Amino acid sequence: MGVEDIIRWKWTTDAAYSARSAYLAFFQGTIHFEGAKPIWKTWAPQKLKFFMWLAVRQRIWTSDRRRHRGLTSDATCRLCDQEEETADHLLCTCSFTRQVWHTLLSVLGIQNSPSPAGLNFLEWWLLLRQGLSKEHKKGLDTAVMLVSWMTWKECNARLFNGTQQSLSQLVQGILEEGSNWIRAGASKLAGVG
């Protein structure tokens, strides 16, 4: 009795509290995820950031997931009708999607893009970013989100609505949506190339 309590902050060596040490303590035990920064630090609507988070973690609803859950018996890709539709296939290795990427990366001025063969979507995306300036990376990241989202929507339209756009129609739709994004504030998207 009569002895004052002593408060010791266990997250610093000198036992002194600071806002910085509290912030760092908040992240103790978290797992670093290499694709997090390009997803969450770019300009894109929040729902697309969430979509990309799910996509790189193989959690978007593709035919392989629907088949695994017993919702369909056919896991064939709706875009190419050649291979099993996984998130990686749909967003980067599908022959239809590769044509979309080739066309749009040319429009953006990105030449000699790496082949997605043997890579998953996140690995290909991170490889595509190498050698670009910080500003160009933000623009490319925004473009990757836009193209991935529109490709996924096209796949779903084919599956659920029975509608089908040609390659040129999809590319035109992506370019129009990109123009809308630029007008809405995605200024880095305009300066990718």
C-alpha atoms as a PDB file:
ATOM      1  CA  MET A   1       0.000   0.000   0.000  1.00  0.00           C
ATOM      2  CA  GLY A   2       1.123   3.508  -0.635  1.00  0.00           C
ATOM      3  CA  VAL A   3       3.271   2.425  -3.623  1.00  0.00           C
ATOM      4  CA  GLU A   4       2.372   3.947  -6.951  1.00  0.00           C
ATOM      5  CA  ASP A   5       1.675   1.681  -9.895  1.00  0.00           C
ATOM      6  CA  ILE A   6       4.319   1.629 -12.605  1.00  0.00           C
ATOM      7  CA  ILE A   7       3.150   1.350 -16.173  1.00  0.00           C
ATOM      8  CA  ARG A   8       5.564  -0.473 -18.448  1.00  0.00           C
ATOM      9  CA  TRP A   9       4.987  -0.683 -22.179  1.00  0.00           C
ATOM     10  CA  LYS A  10       6.164  -4.133 -23.269  1.00  0.00           C
ATOM     11  CA  TRP A  11       6.531  -3.220 -26.960  1.00  0.00           C
ATOM     12  CA  THR A  12       9.649  -1.042 -26.553  1.00  0.00           C
ATOM     13  CA  THR A  13      13.025  -1.777 -25.007  1.00  0.00           C
ATOM     14  CA  ASP A  14      12.841   1.243 -22.669  1.00  0.00           C
ATOM     15  CA  ALA A  15       9.222   0.400 -21.654  1.00  0.00           C
ATOM     16  CA  ALA A  16       8.041   3.863 -22.781  1.00  0.00           C
ATOM     17  CA  TYR A  17       4.849   4.240 -24.771  1.00  0.00           C
ATOM     18  CA  SER A  18       4.830   6.013 -28.126  1.00  0.00           C
ATOM     19  CA  ALA A  19       2.250   6.196 -30.881  1.00  0.00           C
ATOM     20  CA  ARG A  20       4.806   4.658 -33.252  1.00  0.00           C
ATOM     21  CA  SER A  21       5.364   1.652 -30.995  1.00  0.00           C
ATOM     22  CA  ALA A  22       1.597   1.166 -30.626  1.00  0.00           C
ATOM     23  CA  TYR A  23       1.190   1.282 -34.409  1.00  0.00           C
ATOM     24  CA  LEU A  24       3.971  -1.272 -34.909  1.00  0.00           C
ATOM     25  CA  ALA A  25       2.540  -3.497 -32.159  1.00  0.00           C
ATOM     26  CA  PHE A  26      -0.717  -3.576 -34.058  1.00  0.00           C
ATOM     27  CA  PHE A  27       1.026  -5.462 -36.881  1.00  0.00           C
ATOM     28  CA  GLN A  28       2.880  -8.005 -34.728  1.00  0.00           C
ATOM     29  CA  GLY A  29       2.300 -11.474 -36.106  1.00  0.00           C
ATOM     30  CA  THR A  30       0.835 -10.364 -39.432  1.00  0.00           C
ATOM     31  CA  ILE A  31       1.852 -12.099 -42.607  1.00  0.00           C
ATOM     32  CA  HIS A  32       3.417 -10.040 -45.387  1.00  0.00           C
ATOM     33  CA  PHE A  33       1.645 -10.431 -48.701  1.00  0.00           C
ATOM     34  CA  GLU A  34       3.622  -9.252 -51.715  1.00  0.00           C
ATOM     35  CA  GLY A  35       0.617  -8.174 -53.761  1.00  0.00           C
ATOM     36  CA  ALA A  36      -1.034  -6.079 -51.061  1.00  0.00           C
ATOM     37  CA  LYS A  37       0.546  -2.731 -51.905  1.00  0.00           C
ATOM     38  CA  PRO A  38      -0.276  -2.730 -55.643  1.00  0.00           C
ATOM     39  CA  ILE A  39      -3.851  -3.620 -54.763  1.00  0.00           C
ATOM     40  CA  TRP A  40      -4.658  -1.283 -51.889  1.00  0.00           C
ATOM     41  CA  LYS A  41      -2.483   1.738 -52.802  1.00  0.00           C
ATOM     42  CA  THR A  42      -3.739   2.310 -56.328  1.00  0.00           C
ATOM     43  CA  TRP A  43      -6.633   4.350 -57.677  1.00  0.00           C
ATOM     44  CA  ALA A  44      -9.616   2.116 -58.252  1.00  0.00           C
ATOM     45  CA  PRO A  45     -13.076   1.746 -56.787  1.00  0.00           C
ATOM     46  CA  GLN A  46     -13.066  -0.133 -53.484  1.00  0.00           C
ATOM     47  CA  LYS A  47     -15.067  -3.039 -54.913  1.00  0.00           C
ATOM     48  CA  LEU A  48     -12.343  -3.616 -57.520  1.00  0.00           C
ATOM     49  CA  LYS A  49      -9.623  -3.596 -54.883  1.00  0.00           C
ATOM     50  CA  PHE A  50     -11.578  -6.221 -52.985  1.00  0.00           C
ATOM     51  CA  PHE A  51     -12.103  -8.197 -56.202  1.00  0.00           C
ATOM     52  CA  MET A  52      -8.349  -8.148 -56.899  1.00  0.00           C
ATOM     53  CA  TRP A  53      -7.591  -9.224 -53.337  1.00  0.00           C
ATOM     54  CA  LEU A  54      -9.848 -12.222 -53.855  1.00  0.00           C
ATOM     55  CA  ALA A  55      -8.494 -12.894 -57.359  1.00  0.00           C
ATOM     56  CA  VAL A  56      -4.830 -13.101 -56.368  1.00  0.00           C
ATOM     57  CA  ARG A  57      -5.830 -15.407 -53.523  1.00  0.00           C
ATOM     58  CA  GLN A  58      -7.801 -17.655 -55.940  1.00  0.00           C
ATOM     59  CA  ARG A  59     -11.114 -16.817 -54.271  1.00  0.00           C
ATOM     60  CA  ILE A  60     -13.172 -15.331 -57.101  1.00  0.00           C
ATOM     61  CA  TRP A  61     -16.018 -17.460 -58.369  1.00  0.00           C
ATOM     62  CA  THR A  62     -14.705 -19.270 -61.403  1.00  0.00           C
ATOM     63  CA  SER A  63     -15.920 -22.504 -62.971  1.00  0.00           C
ATOM     64  CA  ASP A  64     -13.395 -24.612 -61.064  1.00  0.00           C
ATOM     65  CA  ARG A  65     -14.693 -23.260 -57.723  1.00  0.00           C
ATOM     66  CA  ARG A  66     -18.310 -23.730 -58.767  1.00  0.00           C
ATOM     67  CA  ARG A  67     -17.562 -27.329 -59.778  1.00  0.00           C
ATOM     68  CA  HIS A  68     -15.697 -27.949 -56.514  1.00  0.00           C
ATOM     69  CA  ARG A  69     -18.788 -26.738 -54.614  1.00  0.00           C
ATOM     70  CA  GLY A  70     -21.114 -28.908 -56.695  1.00  0.00           C
ATOM     71  CA  LEU A  71     -22.756 -25.948 -58.452  1.00  0.00           C
ATOM     72  CA  THR A  72     -21.760 -27.053 -61.965  1.00  0.00           C
ATOM     73  CA  SER A  73     -20.259 -30.069 -63.630  1.00  0.00           C
ATOM     74  CA  ASP A  74     -18.382 -28.121 -66.309  1.00  0.00           C
ATOM     75  CA  ALA A  75     -15.258 -26.168 -65.320  1.00  0.00           C
ATOM     76  CA  THR A  76     -14.316 -25.155 -68.862  1.00  0.00           C
ATOM     77  CA  CYS A  77     -13.367 -21.512 -69.406  1.00  0.00           C
ATOM     78  CA  ARG A  78     -16.205 -19.529 -70.983  1.00  0.00           C
ATOM     79  CA  LEU A  79     -13.795 -17.259 -72.858  1.00  0.00           C
ATOM     80  CA  CYS A  80     -11.560 -19.782 -74.625  1.00  0.00           C
ATOM     81  CA  ASP A  81     -13.545 -23.025 -74.204  1.00  0.00           C
ATOM     82  CA  GLN A  82     -10.208 -24.877 -73.997  1.00  0.00           C
ATOM     83  CA  GLU A  83      -8.991 -25.199 -70.410  1.00  0.00           C
ATOM     84  CA  GLU A  84     -10.255 -25.330 -66.845  1.00  0.00           C
ATOM     85  CA  GLU A  85     -11.284 -21.879 -65.661  1.00  0.00           C
ATOM     86  CA  THR A  86      -9.253 -20.877 -62.606  1.00  0.00           C
ATOM     87  CA  ALA A  87      -8.577 -17.332 -61.453  1.00  0.00           C
ATOM     88  CA  ASP A  88      -5.040 -17.462 -62.888  1.00  0.00           C
ATOM     89  CA  HIS A  89      -6.271 -18.880 -66.178  1.00  0.00           C
ATOM     90  CA  LEU A  90      -9.129 -16.413 -66.537  1.00  0.00           C
ATOM     91  CA  LEU A  91      -7.066 -13.313 -65.722  1.00  0.00           C
ATOM     92  CA  CYS A  92      -3.805 -14.010 -67.552  1.00  0.00           C
ATOM     93  CA  THR A  93      -3.236 -17.355 -69.319  1.00  0.00           C
ATOM     94  CA  CYS A  94      -6.518 -17.798 -71.209  1.00  0.00           C
ATOM     95  CA  SER A  95      -5.913 -17.388 -74.958  1.00  0.00           C
ATOM     96  CA  PHE A  96      -8.755 -14.838 -75.211  1.00  0.00           C
ATOM     97  CA  THR A  97      -7.486 -12.879 -72.194  1.00  0.00           C
ATOM     98  CA  ARG A  98      -3.929 -12.902 -73.552  1.00  0.00           C
ATOM     99  CA  GLN A  99      -5.206 -11.244 -76.733  1.00  0.00           C
ATOM    100  CA  VAL A 100      -6.958  -8.608 -74.614  1.00  0.00           C
ATOM    101  CA  TRP A 101      -3.762  -7.981 -72.647  1.00  0.00           C
ATOM    102  CA  HIS A 102      -1.621  -7.827 -75.800  1.00  0.00           C
ATOM    103  CA  THR A 103      -3.923  -5.259 -77.382  1.00  0.00           C
ATOM    104  CA  LEU A 104      -4.275  -3.079 -74.282  1.00  0.00           C
ATOM    105  CA  LEU A 105      -0.611  -3.204 -73.255  1.00  0.00           C
ATOM    106  CA  SER A 106       0.246  -2.054 -76.794  1.00  0.00           C
ATOM    107  CA  VAL A 107      -2.236   0.830 -76.451  1.00  0.00           C
ATOM    108  CA  LEU A 108      -0.619   1.729 -73.108  1.00  0.00           C
ATOM    109  CA  GLY A 109       2.825   1.739 -74.724  1.00  0.00           C
ATOM    110  CA  ILE A 110       4.157  -1.252 -72.811  1.00  0.00           C
ATOM    111  CA  GLN A 111       6.254  -3.253 -75.234  1.00  0.00           C
ATOM    112  CA  ASN A 112       7.860  -6.655 -74.704  1.00  0.00           C
ATOM    113  CA  SER A 113       5.596  -7.619 -71.823  1.00  0.00           C
ATOM    114  CA  PRO A 114       6.552 -10.895 -70.130  1.00  0.00           C
ATOM    115  CA  SER A 115       4.711 -14.040 -71.096  1.00  0.00           C
ATOM    116  CA  PRO A 116       2.366 -15.324 -68.390  1.00  0.00           C
ATOM    117  CA  ALA A 117       3.286 -18.936 -69.253  1.00  0.00           C
ATOM    118  CA  GLY A 118       4.276 -20.806 -66.106  1.00  0.00           C
ATOM    119  CA  LEU A 119       3.328 -17.888 -63.842  1.00  0.00           C
ATOM    120  CA  ASN A 120       0.319 -17.239 -61.698  1.00  0.00           C
ATOM    121  CA  PHE A 121      -1.579 -13.975 -62.131  1.00  0.00           C
ATOM    122  CA  LEU A 122       0.135 -12.155 -59.248  1.00  0.00           C
ATOM    123  CA  GLU A 123       3.632 -13.221 -60.352  1.00  0.00           C
ATOM    124  CA  TRP A 124       2.915 -12.045 -63.898  1.00  0.00           C
ATOM    125  CA  TRP A 125       1.512  -8.725 -62.657  1.00  0.00           C
ATOM    126  CA  LEU A 126       4.514  -8.063 -60.421  1.00  0.00           C
ATOM    127  CA  LEU A 127       6.888  -8.999 -63.261  1.00  0.00           C
ATOM    128  CA  LEU A 128       5.033  -6.635 -65.581  1.00  0.00           C
ATOM    129  CA  ARG A 129       5.638  -3.777 -63.089  1.00  0.00           C
ATOM    130  CA  GLN A 130       9.412  -4.258 -62.943  1.00  0.00           C
ATOM    131  CA  GLY A 131      11.462  -1.414 -64.335  1.00  0.00           C
ATOM    132  CA  LEU A 132       8.596   1.085 -64.283  1.00  0.00           C
ATOM    133  CA  SER A 133       8.697   4.340 -62.356  1.00  0.00           C
ATOM    134  CA  LYS A 134       6.478   4.729 -59.285  1.00  0.00           C
ATOM    135  CA  GLU A 135       3.982   6.823 -61.259  1.00  0.00           C
ATOM    136  CA  HIS A 136       3.839   4.331 -64.129  1.00  0.00           C
ATOM    137  CA  LYS A 137       3.405   1.452 -61.665  1.00  0.00           C
ATOM    138  CA  LYS A 138       0.332   3.135 -60.181  1.00  0.00           C
ATOM    139  CA  GLY A 139      -1.113   3.626 -63.649  1.00  0.00           C
ATOM    140  CA  LEU A 140      -0.368   0.044 -64.643  1.00  0.00           C
ATOM    141  CA  ASP A 141      -1.847  -1.279 -61.398  1.00  0.00           C
ATOM    142  CA  THR A 142      -5.036   0.647 -62.100  1.00  0.00           C
ATOM    143  CA  ALA A 143      -5.104  -0.713 -65.665  1.00  0.00           C
ATOM    144  CA  VAL A 144      -4.584  -4.285 -64.411  1.00  0.00           C
ATOM    145  CA  MET A 145      -7.540  -3.906 -62.068  1.00  0.00           C
ATOM    146  CA  LEU A 146      -9.748  -2.482 -64.799  1.00  0.00           C
ATOM    147  CA  VAL A 147      -8.865  -5.141 -67.382  1.00  0.00           C
ATOM    148  CA  SER A 148      -9.213  -7.977 -64.869  1.00  0.00           C
ATOM    149  CA  TRP A 149     -12.591  -6.714 -63.665  1.00  0.00           C
ATOM    150  CA  MET A 150     -13.966  -6.253 -67.187  1.00  0.00           C
ATOM    151  CA  THR A 151     -12.655  -9.669 -68.277  1.00  0.00           C
ATOM    152  CA  TRP A 152     -14.278 -11.343 -65.269  1.00  0.00           C
ATOM    153  CA  LYS A 153     -17.546  -9.522 -65.989  1.00  0.00           C
ATOM    154  CA  GLU A 154     -17.433 -10.683 -69.628  1.00  0.00           C
ATOM    155  CA  CYS A 155     -16.921 -14.270 -68.507  1.00  0.00           C
ATOM    156  CA  ASN A 156     -19.900 -13.995 -66.147  1.00  0.00           C
ATOM    157  CA  ALA A 157     -22.068 -12.376 -68.832  1.00  0.00           C
ATOM    158  CA  ARG A 158     -21.360 -15.331 -71.104  1.00  0.00           C
ATOM    159  CA  LEU A 159     -22.178 -17.803 -68.368  1.00  0.00           C
ATOM    160  CA  PHE A 160     -25.227 -16.217 -66.748  1.00  0.00           C
ATOM    161  CA  ASN A 161     -26.732 -13.976 -69.455  1.00  0.00           C
ATOM    162  CA  GLY A 162     -25.828 -15.881 -72.609  1.00  0.00           C
ATOM    163  CA  THR A 163     -24.348 -12.717 -74.130  1.00  0.00           C
ATOM    164  CA  GLN A 164     -20.962 -12.566 -75.798  1.00  0.00           C
ATOM    165  CA  GLN A 165     -18.747  -9.662 -76.841  1.00  0.00           C
ATOM    166  CA  SER A 166     -16.050 -10.005 -79.457  1.00  0.00           C
ATOM    167  CA  LEU A 167     -12.452  -9.240 -78.554  1.00  0.00           C
ATOM    168  CA  SER A 168     -12.684  -5.796 -80.169  1.00  0.00           C
ATOM    169  CA  GLN A 169     -15.944  -5.008 -78.345  1.00  0.00           C
ATOM    170  CA  LEU A 170     -14.427  -5.954 -74.977  1.00  0.00           C
ATOM    171  CA  VAL A 171     -11.279  -3.916 -75.654  1.00  0.00           C
ATOM    172  CA  GLN A 172     -13.400  -0.930 -76.709  1.00  0.00           C
ATOM    173  CA  GLY A 173     -15.477  -1.262 -73.534  1.00  0.00           C
ATOM    174  CA  ILE A 174     -12.316  -1.368 -71.410  1.00  0.00           C
ATOM    175  CA  LEU A 175     -10.932   1.741 -73.140  1.00  0.00           C
ATOM    176  CA  GLU A 176     -14.227   3.610 -72.617  1.00  0.00           C
ATOM    177  CA  GLU A 177     -14.357   2.624 -68.944  1.00  0.00           C
ATOM    178  CA  GLY A 178     -10.704   3.661 -68.597  1.00  0.00           C
ATOM    179  CA  SER A 179     -11.598   7.099 -69.984  1.00  0.00           C
ATOM    180  CA  ASN A 180     -14.376   7.357 -67.393  1.00  0.00           C
ATOM    181  CA  TRP A 181     -11.909   6.431 -64.640  1.00  0.00           C
ATOM    182  CA  ILE A 182      -9.455   9.090 -65.825  1.00  0.00           C
ATOM    183  CA  ARG A 183     -12.201  11.725 -65.724  1.00  0.00           C
ATOM    184  CA  ALA A 184     -13.140  10.488 -62.216  1.00  0.00           C
ATOM    185  CA  GLY A 185      -9.600  10.929 -60.897  1.00  0.00           C
ATOM    186  CA  ALA A 186      -7.406   8.046 -62.049  1.00  0.00           C
ATOM    187  CA  SER A 187      -4.823  10.453 -63.488  1.00  0.00           C
ATOM    188  CA  LYS A 188      -1.990   7.881 -63.330  1.00  0.00           C
ATOM    189  CA  LEU A 189      -3.933   5.662 -65.732  1.00  0.00           C
ATOM    190  CA  ALA A 190      -3.627   8.331 -68.436  1.00  0.00           C
ATOM    191  CA  GLY A 191       0.176   8.354 -68.198  1.00  0.00           C
ATOM    192  CA  VAL A 192       0.979   4.639 -68.137  1.00  0.00           C
ATOM    193  CA  GLY A 193       2.889   4.412 -71.438  1.00  0.00           C
END
